[in-house]
Amino acid sequence: MTDAFATVWRPGDGTQWVHWGMSEDDFKAKDSTYFPQGLRITTLLIKDGKFAAVWRPGDGTQWVHWGMSEDDFKAKDSTYFPQGLRITTLLIKDGKFAAVWR
């Protein structure tokens, strides 16, 4: 059985990149390429160790962490919140957290 996609398109402009089936290294490489181009992660999914993400125009700081315990997640959020960063994506599976802060 193949993976199914559920997607919503909305009006917009500017660049948009969508990649799925990425390894951790592939994901890091894509983000390292797109971040300096002014693109930020708007959606992040992790399934069976494979990453899917959408990058769209944005600015400012972005932090992405995955494989975190609940305590690790709380510590990261406690650090980033006072810096004015907010969670834009949150995933919890099998007691592990993944999040994007912007």
PDB file of N, CA and C in Angstrom:
ATOM      1  N   MET A   1       0.850  -1.189   0.000  1.00  0.00           N
ATOM      2  CA  MET A   1       0.000   0.000   0.000  1.00  0.00           C
ATOM      3  C   MET A   1       0.882   1.234   0.000  1.00  0.00           C
ATOM      4  N   THR A   2       0.534   2.212  -0.789  1.00  0.00           N
ATOM      5  CA  THR A   2       1.286   3.458  -0.847  1.00  0.00           C
ATOM      6  C   THR A   2       0.708   4.454   0.147  1.00  0.00           C
ATOM      7  N   ASP A   3       1.520   5.460   0.463  1.00  0.00           N
ATOM      8  CA  ASP A   3       1.038   6.524   1.343  1.00  0.00           C
ATOM      9  C   ASP A   3      -0.003   7.358   0.620  1.00  0.00           C
ATOM     10  N   ALA A   4      -0.957   7.861   1.363  1.00  0.00           N
ATOM     11  CA  ALA A   4      -1.980   8.745   0.818  1.00  0.00           C
ATOM     12  C   ALA A   4      -1.676  10.169   1.255  1.00  0.00           C
ATOM     13  N   PHE A   5      -2.081  11.121   0.447  1.00  0.00           N
ATOM     14  CA  PHE A   5      -1.867  12.519   0.751  1.00  0.00           C
ATOM     15  C   PHE A   5      -3.207  13.214   0.939  1.00  0.00           C
ATOM     16  N   ALA A   6      -3.261  14.090   1.910  1.00  0.00           N
ATOM     17  CA  ALA A   6      -4.395  14.995   2.087  1.00  0.00           C
ATOM     18  C   ALA A   6      -3.801  16.400   2.048  1.00  0.00           C
ATOM     19  N   THR A   7      -4.263  17.222   1.138  1.00  0.00           N
ATOM     20  CA  THR A   7      -3.644  18.515   0.912  1.00  0.00           C
ATOM     21  C   THR A   7      -4.698  19.578   0.688  1.00  0.00           C
ATOM     22  N   VAL A   8      -4.387  20.785   1.123  1.00  0.00           N
ATOM     23  CA  VAL A   8      -5.241  21.944   0.877  1.00  0.00           C
ATOM     24  C   VAL A   8      -4.391  22.993   0.175  1.00  0.00           C
ATOM     25  N   TRP A   9      -4.856  23.485  -0.942  1.00  0.00           N
ATOM     26  CA  TRP A   9      -4.191  24.574  -1.637  1.00  0.00           C
ATOM     27  C   TRP A   9      -4.955  25.854  -1.339  1.00  0.00           C
ATOM     28  N   ARG A  10      -4.219  26.946  -1.194  1.00  0.00           N
ATOM     29  CA  ARG A  10      -4.831  28.236  -0.960  1.00  0.00           C
ATOM     30  C   ARG A  10      -4.114  29.267  -1.813  1.00  0.00           C
ATOM     31  N   PRO A  11      -4.764  30.389  -2.081  1.00  0.00           N
ATOM     32  CA  PRO A  11      -4.094  31.423  -2.872  1.00  0.00           C
ATOM     33  C   PRO A  11      -2.831  31.900  -2.166  1.00  0.00           C
ATOM     34  N   GLY A  12      -1.849  32.222  -2.942  1.00  0.00           N
ATOM     35  CA  GLY A  12      -0.600  32.729  -2.382  1.00  0.00           C
ATOM     36  C   GLY A  12       0.360  33.064  -3.500  1.00  0.00           C
ATOM     37  N   ASP A  13       1.500  33.560  -3.110  1.00  0.00           N
ATOM     38  CA  ASP A  13       2.527  33.839  -4.096  1.00  0.00           C
ATOM     39  C   ASP A  13       3.876  33.488  -3.492  1.00  0.00           C
ATOM     40  N   GLY A  14       4.873  33.525  -4.317  1.00  0.00           N
ATOM     41  CA  GLY A  14       6.207  33.196  -3.852  1.00  0.00           C
ATOM     42  C   GLY A  14       6.517  31.720  -4.012  1.00  0.00           C
ATOM     43  N   THR A  15       7.713  31.392  -3.654  1.00  0.00           N
ATOM     44  CA  THR A  15       8.235  30.037  -3.789  1.00  0.00           C
ATOM     45  C   THR A  15       7.576  29.086  -2.807  1.00  0.00           C
ATOM     46  N   GLN A  16       7.438  27.860  -3.236  1.00  0.00           N
ATOM     47  CA  GLN A  16       6.986  26.796  -2.331  1.00  0.00           C
ATOM     48  C   GLN A  16       7.675  25.503  -2.768  1.00  0.00           C
ATOM     49  N   TRP A  17       8.293  24.839  -1.817  1.00  0.00           N
ATOM     50  CA  TRP A  17       8.922  23.552  -2.081  1.00  0.00           C
ATOM     51  C   TRP A  17       8.313  22.497  -1.181  1.00  0.00           C
ATOM     52  N   VAL A  18       8.031  21.334  -1.743  1.00  0.00           N
ATOM     53  CA  VAL A  18       7.463  20.207  -1.014  1.00  0.00           C
ATOM     54  C   VAL A  18       8.334  18.989  -1.307  1.00  0.00           C
ATOM     55  N   HIS A  19       8.798  18.337  -0.254  1.00  0.00           N
ATOM     56  CA  HIS A  19       9.605  17.119  -0.412  1.00  0.00           C
ATOM     57  C   HIS A  19       9.130  16.094   0.607  1.00  0.00           C
ATOM     58  N   TRP A  20       9.119  14.834   0.213  1.00  0.00           N
ATOM     59  CA  TRP A  20       8.750  13.752   1.126  1.00  0.00           C
ATOM     60  C   TRP A  20       9.648  12.557   0.871  1.00  0.00           C
ATOM     61  N   GLY A  21       9.612  11.610   1.784  1.00  0.00           N
ATOM     62  CA  GLY A  21      10.448  10.424   1.660  1.00  0.00           C
ATOM     63  C   GLY A  21      11.919  10.716   1.926  1.00  0.00           C
ATOM     64  N   MET A  22      12.197  11.829   2.599  1.00  0.00           N
ATOM     65  CA  MET A  22      13.583  12.228   2.861  1.00  0.00           C
ATOM     66  C   MET A  22      14.141  11.522   4.093  1.00  0.00           C
ATOM     67  N   SER A  23      15.413  11.193   4.021  1.00  0.00           N
ATOM     68  CA  SER A  23      16.122  10.722   5.206  1.00  0.00           C
ATOM     69  C   SER A  23      16.403  11.941   6.086  1.00  0.00           C
ATOM     70  N   GLU A  24      16.872  11.698   7.293  1.00  0.00           N
ATOM     71  CA  GLU A  24      17.229  12.797   8.191  1.00  0.00           C
ATOM     72  C   GLU A  24      18.274  13.697   7.535  1.00  0.00           C
ATOM     73  N   ASP A  25      19.290  13.107   6.919  1.00  0.00           N
ATOM     74  CA  ASP A  25      20.332  13.897   6.263  1.00  0.00           C
ATOM     75  C   ASP A  25      19.782  14.682   5.080  1.00  0.00           C
ATOM     76  N   ASP A  26      18.895  14.059   4.294  1.00  0.00           N
ATOM     77  CA  ASP A  26      18.271  14.769   3.169  1.00  0.00           C
ATOM     78  C   ASP A  26      17.479  15.975   3.664  1.00  0.00           C
ATOM     79  N   PHE A  27      16.714  15.775   4.738  1.00  0.00           N
ATOM     80  CA  PHE A  27      15.916  16.863   5.304  1.00  0.00           C
ATOM     81  C   PHE A  27      16.820  18.006   5.762  1.00  0.00           C
ATOM     82  N   LYS A  28      17.878  17.680   6.489  1.00  0.00           N
ATOM     83  CA  LYS A  28      18.808  18.718   6.963  1.00  0.00           C
ATOM     84  C   LYS A  28      19.420  19.478   5.789  1.00  0.00           C
ATOM     85  N   ALA A  29      19.772  18.757   4.721  1.00  0.00           N
ATOM     86  CA  ALA A  29      20.370  19.402   3.546  1.00  0.00           C
ATOM     87  C   ALA A  29      19.376  20.352   2.876  1.00  0.00           C
ATOM     88  N   LYS A  30      18.135  19.911   2.726  1.00  0.00           N
ATOM     89  CA  LYS A  30      17.118  20.770   2.108  1.00  0.00           C
ATOM     90  C   LYS A  30      16.908  22.027   2.946  1.00  0.00           C
ATOM     91  N   ASP A  31      16.773  21.853   4.271  1.00  0.00           N
ATOM     92  CA  ASP A  31      16.540  23.007   5.130  1.00  0.00           C
ATOM     93  C   ASP A  31      17.743  23.951   5.105  1.00  0.00           C
ATOM     94  N   SER A  32      18.939  23.410   5.065  1.00  0.00           N
ATOM     95  CA  SER A  32      20.149  24.245   4.993  1.00  0.00           C
ATOM     96  C   SER A  32      20.227  25.009   3.676  1.00  0.00           C
ATOM     97  N   THR A  33      19.651  24.463   2.627  1.00  0.00           N
ATOM     98  CA  THR A  33      19.607  25.143   1.336  1.00  0.00           C
ATOM     99  C   THR A  33      18.521  26.211   1.312  1.00  0.00           C
ATOM    100  N   TYR A  34      17.341  25.874   1.797  1.00  0.00           N
ATOM    101  CA  TYR A  34      16.196  26.784   1.689  1.00  0.00           C
ATOM    102  C   TYR A  34      16.215  27.928   2.705  1.00  0.00           C
ATOM    103  N   PHE A  35      16.714  27.692   3.912  1.00  0.00           N
ATOM    104  CA  PHE A  35      16.702  28.728   4.944  1.00  0.00           C
ATOM    105  C   PHE A  35      17.405  30.009   4.472  1.00  0.00           C
ATOM    106  N   PRO A  36      18.621  29.936   3.911  1.00  0.00           N
ATOM    107  CA  PRO A  36      19.277  31.166   3.444  1.00  0.00           C
ATOM    108  C   PRO A  36      18.549  31.845   2.286  1.00  0.00           C
ATOM    109  N   GLN A  37      17.670  31.104   1.610  1.00  0.00           N
ATOM    110  CA  GLN A  37      16.887  31.675   0.522  1.00  0.00           C
ATOM    111  C   GLN A  37      15.625  32.373   1.034  1.00  0.00           C
ATOM    112  N   GLY A  38      15.462  32.422   2.367  1.00  0.00           N
ATOM    113  CA  GLY A  38      14.298  33.083   2.955  1.00  0.00           C
ATOM    114  C   GLY A  38      13.074  32.190   3.035  1.00  0.00           C
ATOM    115  N   LEU A  39      13.278  30.885   2.983  1.00  0.00           N
ATOM    116  CA  LEU A  39      12.154  29.946   3.101  1.00  0.00           C
ATOM    117  C   LEU A  39      12.167  29.314   4.480  1.00  0.00           C
ATOM    118  N   ARG A  40      10.969  29.101   5.015  1.00  0.00           N
ATOM    119  CA  ARG A  40      10.826  28.512   6.344  1.00  0.00           C
ATOM    120  C   ARG A  40       9.865  27.325   6.266  1.00  0.00           C
ATOM    121  N   ILE A  41      10.031  26.408   7.183  1.00  0.00           N
ATOM    122  CA  ILE A  41       9.182  25.221   7.230  1.00  0.00           C
ATOM    123  C   ILE A  41       7.791  25.626   7.703  1.00  0.00           C
ATOM    124  N   THR A  42       6.778  25.257   6.921  1.00  0.00           N
ATOM    125  CA  THR A  42       5.402  25.508   7.330  1.00  0.00           C
ATOM    126  C   THR A  42       4.705  24.226   7.754  1.00  0.00           C
ATOM    127  N   THR A  43       5.214  23.092   7.289  1.00  0.00           N
ATOM    128  CA  THR A  43       4.656  21.794   7.652  1.00  0.00           C
ATOM    129  C   THR A  43       5.786  20.786   7.764  1.00  0.00           C
ATOM    130  N   LEU A  44       5.729  19.968   8.802  1.00  0.00           N
ATOM    131  CA  LEU A  44       6.717  18.906   8.993  1.00  0.00           C
ATOM    132  C   LEU A  44       5.997  17.645   9.424  1.00  0.00           C
ATOM    133  N   LEU A  45       6.314  16.541   8.768  1.00  0.00           N
ATOM    134  CA  LEU A  45       5.792  15.231   9.138  1.00  0.00           C
ATOM    135  C   LEU A  45       6.952  14.249   9.184  1.00  0.00           C
ATOM    136  N   ILE A  46       6.902  13.326  10.116  1.00  0.00           N
ATOM    137  CA  ILE A  46       7.917  12.279  10.208  1.00  0.00           C
ATOM    138  C   ILE A  46       7.179  10.961  10.384  1.00  0.00           C
ATOM    139  N   LYS A  47       7.444  10.033   9.470  1.00  0.00           N
ATOM    140  CA  LYS A  47       6.793   8.726   9.535  1.00  0.00           C
ATOM    141  C   LYS A  47       7.816   7.659   9.180  1.00  0.00           C
ATOM    142  N   ASP A  48       7.958   6.698  10.055  1.00  0.00           N
ATOM    143  CA  ASP A  48       8.886   5.595   9.827  1.00  0.00           C
ATOM    144  C   ASP A  48      10.285   6.094   9.487  1.00  0.00           C
ATOM    145  N   GLY A  49      10.698   7.163  10.163  1.00  0.00           N
ATOM    146  CA  GLY A  49      12.036   7.703   9.966  1.00  0.00           C
ATOM    147  C   GLY A  49      12.218   8.514   8.700  1.00  0.00           C
ATOM    148  N   LYS A  50      11.136   8.730   7.947  1.00  0.00           N
ATOM    149  CA  LYS A  50      11.190   9.531   6.726  1.00  0.00           C
ATOM    150  C   LYS A  50      10.505  10.872   6.967  1.00  0.00           C
ATOM    151  N   PHE A  51      11.091  11.913   6.405  1.00  0.00           N
ATOM    152  CA  PHE A  51      10.613  13.271   6.618  1.00  0.00           C
ATOM    153  C   PHE A  51       9.858  13.778   5.396  1.00  0.00           C
ATOM    154  N   ALA A  52       8.816  14.555   5.648  1.00  0.00           N
ATOM    155  CA  ALA A  52       8.106  15.307   4.627  1.00  0.00           C
ATOM    156  C   ALA A  52       8.003  16.743   5.150  1.00  0.00           C
ATOM    157  N   ALA A  53       8.213  17.704   4.263  1.00  0.00           N
ATOM    158  CA  ALA A  53       8.150  19.095   4.703  1.00  0.00           C
ATOM    159  C   ALA A  53       7.752  20.007   3.562  1.00  0.00           C
ATOM    160  N   VAL A  54       7.182  21.154   3.951  1.00  0.00           N
ATOM    161  CA  VAL A  54       6.828  22.221   3.021  1.00  0.00           C
ATOM    162  C   VAL A  54       7.578  23.469   3.471  1.00  0.00           C
ATOM    163  N   TRP A  55       8.237  24.122   2.525  1.00  0.00           N
ATOM    164  CA  TRP A  55       8.927  25.378   2.783  1.00  0.00           C
ATOM    165  C   TRP A  55       8.256  26.480   1.981  1.00  0.00           C
ATOM    166  N   ARG A  56       8.021  27.625   2.650  1.00  0.00           N
ATOM    167  CA  ARG A  56       7.428  28.796   2.002  1.00  0.00           C
ATOM    168  C   ARG A  56       8.176  30.033   2.482  1.00  0.00           C
ATOM    169  N   PRO A  57       7.985  31.179   1.812  1.00  0.00           N
ATOM    170  CA  PRO A  57       8.683  32.390   2.223  1.00  0.00           C
ATOM    171  C   PRO A  57       8.390  32.753   3.682  1.00  0.00           C
ATOM    172  N   GLY A  58       9.416  33.202   4.350  1.00  0.00           N
ATOM    173  CA  GLY A  58       9.300  33.633   5.743  1.00  0.00           C
ATOM    174  C   GLY A  58      10.589  34.319   6.145  1.00  0.00           C
ATOM    175  N   ASP A  59      10.628  34.797   7.355  1.00  0.00           N
ATOM    176  CA  ASP A  59      11.857  35.427   7.824  1.00  0.00           C
ATOM    177  C   ASP A  59      12.041  35.135   9.304  1.00  0.00           C
ATOM    178  N   GLY A  60      13.164  35.524   9.797  1.00  0.00           N
ATOM    179  CA  GLY A  60      13.456  35.343  11.206  1.00  0.00           C
ATOM    180  C   GLY A  60      13.986  33.958  11.530  1.00  0.00           C
ATOM    181  N   THR A  61      14.141  33.755  12.800  1.00  0.00           N
ATOM    182  CA  THR A  61      14.717  32.528  13.336  1.00  0.00           C
ATOM    183  C   THR A  61      13.774  31.348  13.176  1.00  0.00           C
ATOM    184  N   GLN A  62      14.374  30.200  12.991  1.00  0.00           N
ATOM    185  CA  GLN A  62      13.614  28.945  12.945  1.00  0.00           C
ATOM    186  C   GLN A  62      14.464  27.864  13.600  1.00  0.00           C
ATOM    187  N   TRP A  63      13.859  27.108  14.490  1.00  0.00           N
ATOM    188  CA  TRP A  63      14.528  25.950  15.096  1.00  0.00           C
ATOM    189  C   TRP A  63      13.660  24.728  14.898  1.00  0.00           C
ATOM    190  N   VAL A  64      14.292  23.620  14.533  1.00  0.00           N
ATOM    191  CA  VAL A  64      13.599  22.352  14.310  1.00  0.00           C
ATOM    192  C   VAL A  64      14.306  21.283  15.130  1.00  0.00           C
ATOM    193  N   HIS A  65      13.541  20.544  15.919  1.00  0.00           N
ATOM    194  CA  HIS A  65      14.102  19.441  16.722  1.00  0.00           C
ATOM    195  C   HIS A  65      13.138  18.268  16.670  1.00  0.00           C
ATOM    196  N   TRP A  66      13.672  17.070  16.661  1.00  0.00           N
ATOM    197  CA  TRP A  66      12.858  15.849  16.653  1.00  0.00           C
ATOM    198  C   TRP A  66      13.537  14.796  17.513  1.00  0.00           C
ATOM    199  N   GLY A  67      12.779  13.758  17.838  1.00  0.00           N
ATOM    200  CA  GLY A  67      13.308  12.693  18.679  1.00  0.00           C
ATOM    201  C   GLY A  67      13.449  13.106  20.134  1.00  0.00           C
ATOM    202  N   MET A  68      12.735  14.148  20.540  1.00  0.00           N
ATOM    203  CA  MET A  68      12.851  14.686  21.901  1.00  0.00           C
ATOM    204  C   MET A  68      11.934  13.945  22.864  1.00  0.00           C
ATOM    205  N   SER A  69      12.407  13.810  24.087  1.00  0.00           N
ATOM    206  CA  SER A  69      11.545  13.341  25.169  1.00  0.00           C
ATOM    207  C   SER A  69      10.642  14.509  25.586  1.00  0.00           C
ATOM    208  N   GLU A  70       9.670  14.214  26.428  1.00  0.00           N
ATOM    209  CA  GLU A  70       8.799  15.286  26.931  1.00  0.00           C
ATOM    210  C   GLU A  70       9.615  16.351  27.653  1.00  0.00           C
ATOM    211  N   ASP A  71      10.573  15.932  28.470  1.00  0.00           N
ATOM    212  CA  ASP A  71      11.410  16.894  29.186  1.00  0.00           C
ATOM    213  C   ASP A  71      12.276  17.719  28.238  1.00  0.00           C
ATOM    214  N   ASP A  72      12.825  17.070  27.204  1.00  0.00           N
ATOM    215  CA  ASP A  72      13.609  17.805  26.205  1.00  0.00           C
ATOM    216  C   ASP A  72      12.748  18.857  25.516  1.00  0.00           C
ATOM    217  N   PHE A  73      11.519  18.455  25.152  1.00  0.00           N
ATOM    218  CA  PHE A  73      10.605  19.376  24.494  1.00  0.00           C
ATOM    219  C   PHE A  73      10.302  20.577  25.392  1.00  0.00           C
ATOM    220  N   LYS A  74       9.987  20.319  26.661  1.00  0.00           N
ATOM    221  CA  LYS A  74       9.680  21.400  27.592  1.00  0.00           C
ATOM    222  C   LYS A  74      10.870  22.341  27.741  1.00  0.00           C
ATOM    223  N   ALA A  75      12.081  21.787  27.802  1.00  0.00           N
ATOM    224  CA  ALA A  75      13.287  22.614  27.944  1.00  0.00           C
ATOM    225  C   ALA A  75      13.489  23.500  26.717  1.00  0.00           C
ATOM    226  N   LYS A  76      13.307  22.941  25.524  1.00  0.00           N
ATOM    227  CA  LYS A  76      13.456  23.736  24.300  1.00  0.00           C
ATOM    228  C   LYS A  76      12.408  24.849  24.263  1.00  0.00           C
ATOM    229  N   ASP A  77      11.154  24.500  24.589  1.00  0.00           N
ATOM    230  CA  ASP A  77      10.099  25.509  24.558  1.00  0.00           C
ATOM    231  C   ASP A  77      10.358  26.603  25.591  1.00  0.00           C
ATOM    232  N   SER A  78      10.860  26.228  26.747  1.00  0.00           N
ATOM    233  CA  SER A  78      11.177  27.217  27.795  1.00  0.00           C
ATOM    234  C   SER A  78      12.304  28.146  27.370  1.00  0.00           C
ATOM    235  N   THR A  79      13.177  27.671  26.507  1.00  0.00           N
ATOM    236  CA  THR A  79      14.264  28.499  25.984  1.00  0.00           C
ATOM    237  C   THR A  79      13.773  29.414  24.867  1.00  0.00           C
ATOM    238  N   TYR A  80      13.005  28.865  23.944  1.00  0.00           N
ATOM    239  CA  TYR A  80      12.607  29.619  22.756  1.00  0.00           C
ATOM    240  C   TYR A  80      11.466  30.601  23.007  1.00  0.00           C
ATOM    241  N   PHE A  81      10.525  30.271  23.897  1.00  0.00           N
ATOM    242  CA  PHE A  81       9.366  31.133  24.147  1.00  0.00           C
ATOM    243  C   PHE A  81       9.788  32.546  24.568  1.00  0.00           C
ATOM    244  N   PRO A  82      10.705  32.694  25.540  1.00  0.00           N
ATOM    245  CA  PRO A  82      11.111  34.052  25.936  1.00  0.00           C
ATOM    246  C   PRO A  82      11.828  34.818  24.819  1.00  0.00           C
ATOM    247  N   GLN A  83      12.307  34.092  23.806  1.00  0.00           N
ATOM    248  CA  GLN A  83      12.966  34.737  22.666  1.00  0.00           C
ATOM    249  C   GLN A  83      11.949  35.202  21.619  1.00  0.00           C
ATOM    250  N   GLY A  84      10.664  34.987  21.910  1.00  0.00           N
ATOM    251  CA  GLY A  84       9.608  35.403  20.999  1.00  0.00           C
ATOM    252  C   GLY A  84       9.270  34.369  19.938  1.00  0.00           C
ATOM    253  N   LEU A  85       9.792  33.161  20.077  1.00  0.00           N
ATOM    254  CA  LEU A  85       9.498  32.102  19.110  1.00  0.00           C
ATOM    255  C   LEU A  85       8.300  31.295  19.574  1.00  0.00           C
ATOM    256  N   ARG A  86       7.511  30.856  18.592  1.00  0.00           N
ATOM    257  CA  ARG A  86       6.318  30.077  18.893  1.00  0.00           C
ATOM    258  C   ARG A  86       6.325  28.806  18.068  1.00  0.00           C
ATOM    259  N   ILE A  87       5.672  27.786  18.592  1.00  0.00           N
ATOM    260  CA  ILE A  87       5.589  26.503  17.910  1.00  0.00           C
ATOM    261  C   ILE A  87       4.654  26.645  16.717  1.00  0.00           C
ATOM    262  N   THR A  88       5.144  26.237  15.538  1.00  0.00           N
ATOM    263  CA  THR A  88       4.316  26.264  14.337  1.00  0.00           C
ATOM    264  C   THR A  88       3.924  24.854  13.908  1.00  0.00           C
ATOM    265  N   THR A  89       4.686  23.869  14.317  1.00  0.00           N
ATOM    266  CA  THR A  89       4.379  22.466  14.032  1.00  0.00           C
ATOM    267  C   THR A  89       4.757  21.643  15.246  1.00  0.00           C
ATOM    268  N   LEU A  90       3.874  20.729  15.629  1.00  0.00           N
ATOM    269  CA  LEU A  90       4.142  19.838  16.759  1.00  0.00           C
ATOM    270  C   LEU A  90       3.675  18.432  16.407  1.00  0.00           C
ATOM    271  N   LEU A  91       4.565  17.480  16.579  1.00  0.00           N
ATOM    272  CA  LEU A  91       4.258  16.065  16.353  1.00  0.00           C
ATOM    273  C   LEU A  91       4.609  15.289  17.607  1.00  0.00           C
ATOM    274  N   ILE A  92       3.762  14.350  17.988  1.00  0.00           N
ATOM    275  CA  ILE A  92       4.041  13.477  19.123  1.00  0.00           C
ATOM    276  C   ILE A  92       3.692  12.057  18.701  1.00  0.00           C
ATOM    277  N   LYS A  93       4.686  11.187  18.758  1.00  0.00           N
ATOM    278  CA  LYS A  93       4.439   9.793  18.406  1.00  0.00           C
ATOM    279  C   LYS A  93       5.330   8.908  19.262  1.00  0.00           C
ATOM    280  N   ASP A  94       4.718   7.890  19.846  1.00  0.00           N
ATOM    281  CA  ASP A  94       5.457   6.936  20.671  1.00  0.00           C
ATOM    282  C   ASP A  94       6.283   7.632  21.752  1.00  0.00           C
ATOM    283  N   GLY A  95       5.722   8.695  22.323  1.00  0.00           N
ATOM    284  CA  GLY A  95       6.395   9.405  23.406  1.00  0.00           C
ATOM    285  C   GLY A  95       7.535  10.307  22.962  1.00  0.00           C
ATOM    286  N   LYS A  96       7.734  10.466  21.664  1.00  0.00           N
ATOM    287  CA  LYS A  96       8.786  11.336  21.138  1.00  0.00           C
ATOM    288  C   LYS A  96       8.149  12.562  20.494  1.00  0.00           C
ATOM    289  N   PHE A  97       8.784  13.694  20.699  1.00  0.00           N
ATOM    290  CA  PHE A  97       8.279  14.972  20.213  1.00  0.00           C
ATOM    291  C   PHE A  97       9.132  15.491  19.066  1.00  0.00           C
ATOM    292  N   ALA A  98       8.483  16.143  18.117  1.00  0.00           N
ATOM    293  CA  ALA A  98       9.151  16.906  17.059  1.00  0.00           C
ATOM    294  C   ALA A  98       8.432  18.235  16.976  1.00  0.00           C
ATOM    295  N   ALA A  99       9.188  19.309  16.791  1.00  0.00           N
ATOM    296  CA  ALA A  99       8.563  20.633  16.747  1.00  0.00           C
ATOM    297  C   ALA A  99       9.385  21.594  15.920  1.00  0.00           C
ATOM    298  N   VAL A 100       8.674  22.592  15.381  1.00  0.00           N
ATOM    299  CA  VAL A 100       9.293  23.708  14.688  1.00  0.00           C
ATOM    300  C   VAL A 100       8.908  24.957  15.450  1.00  0.00           C
ATOM    301  N   TRP A 101       9.903  25.759  15.789  1.00  0.00           N
ATOM    302  CA  TRP A 101       9.673  27.052  16.440  1.00  0.00           C
ATOM    303  C   TRP A 101      10.085  28.151  15.468  1.00  0.00           C
ATOM    304  N   ARG A 102       9.239  29.193  15.380  1.00  0.00           N
ATOM    305  CA  ARG A 102       9.560  30.361  14.538  1.00  0.00           C
ATOM    306  C   ARG A 102       9.201  31.623  15.274  1.00  0.00           C
TER     307      ARG A 102
END
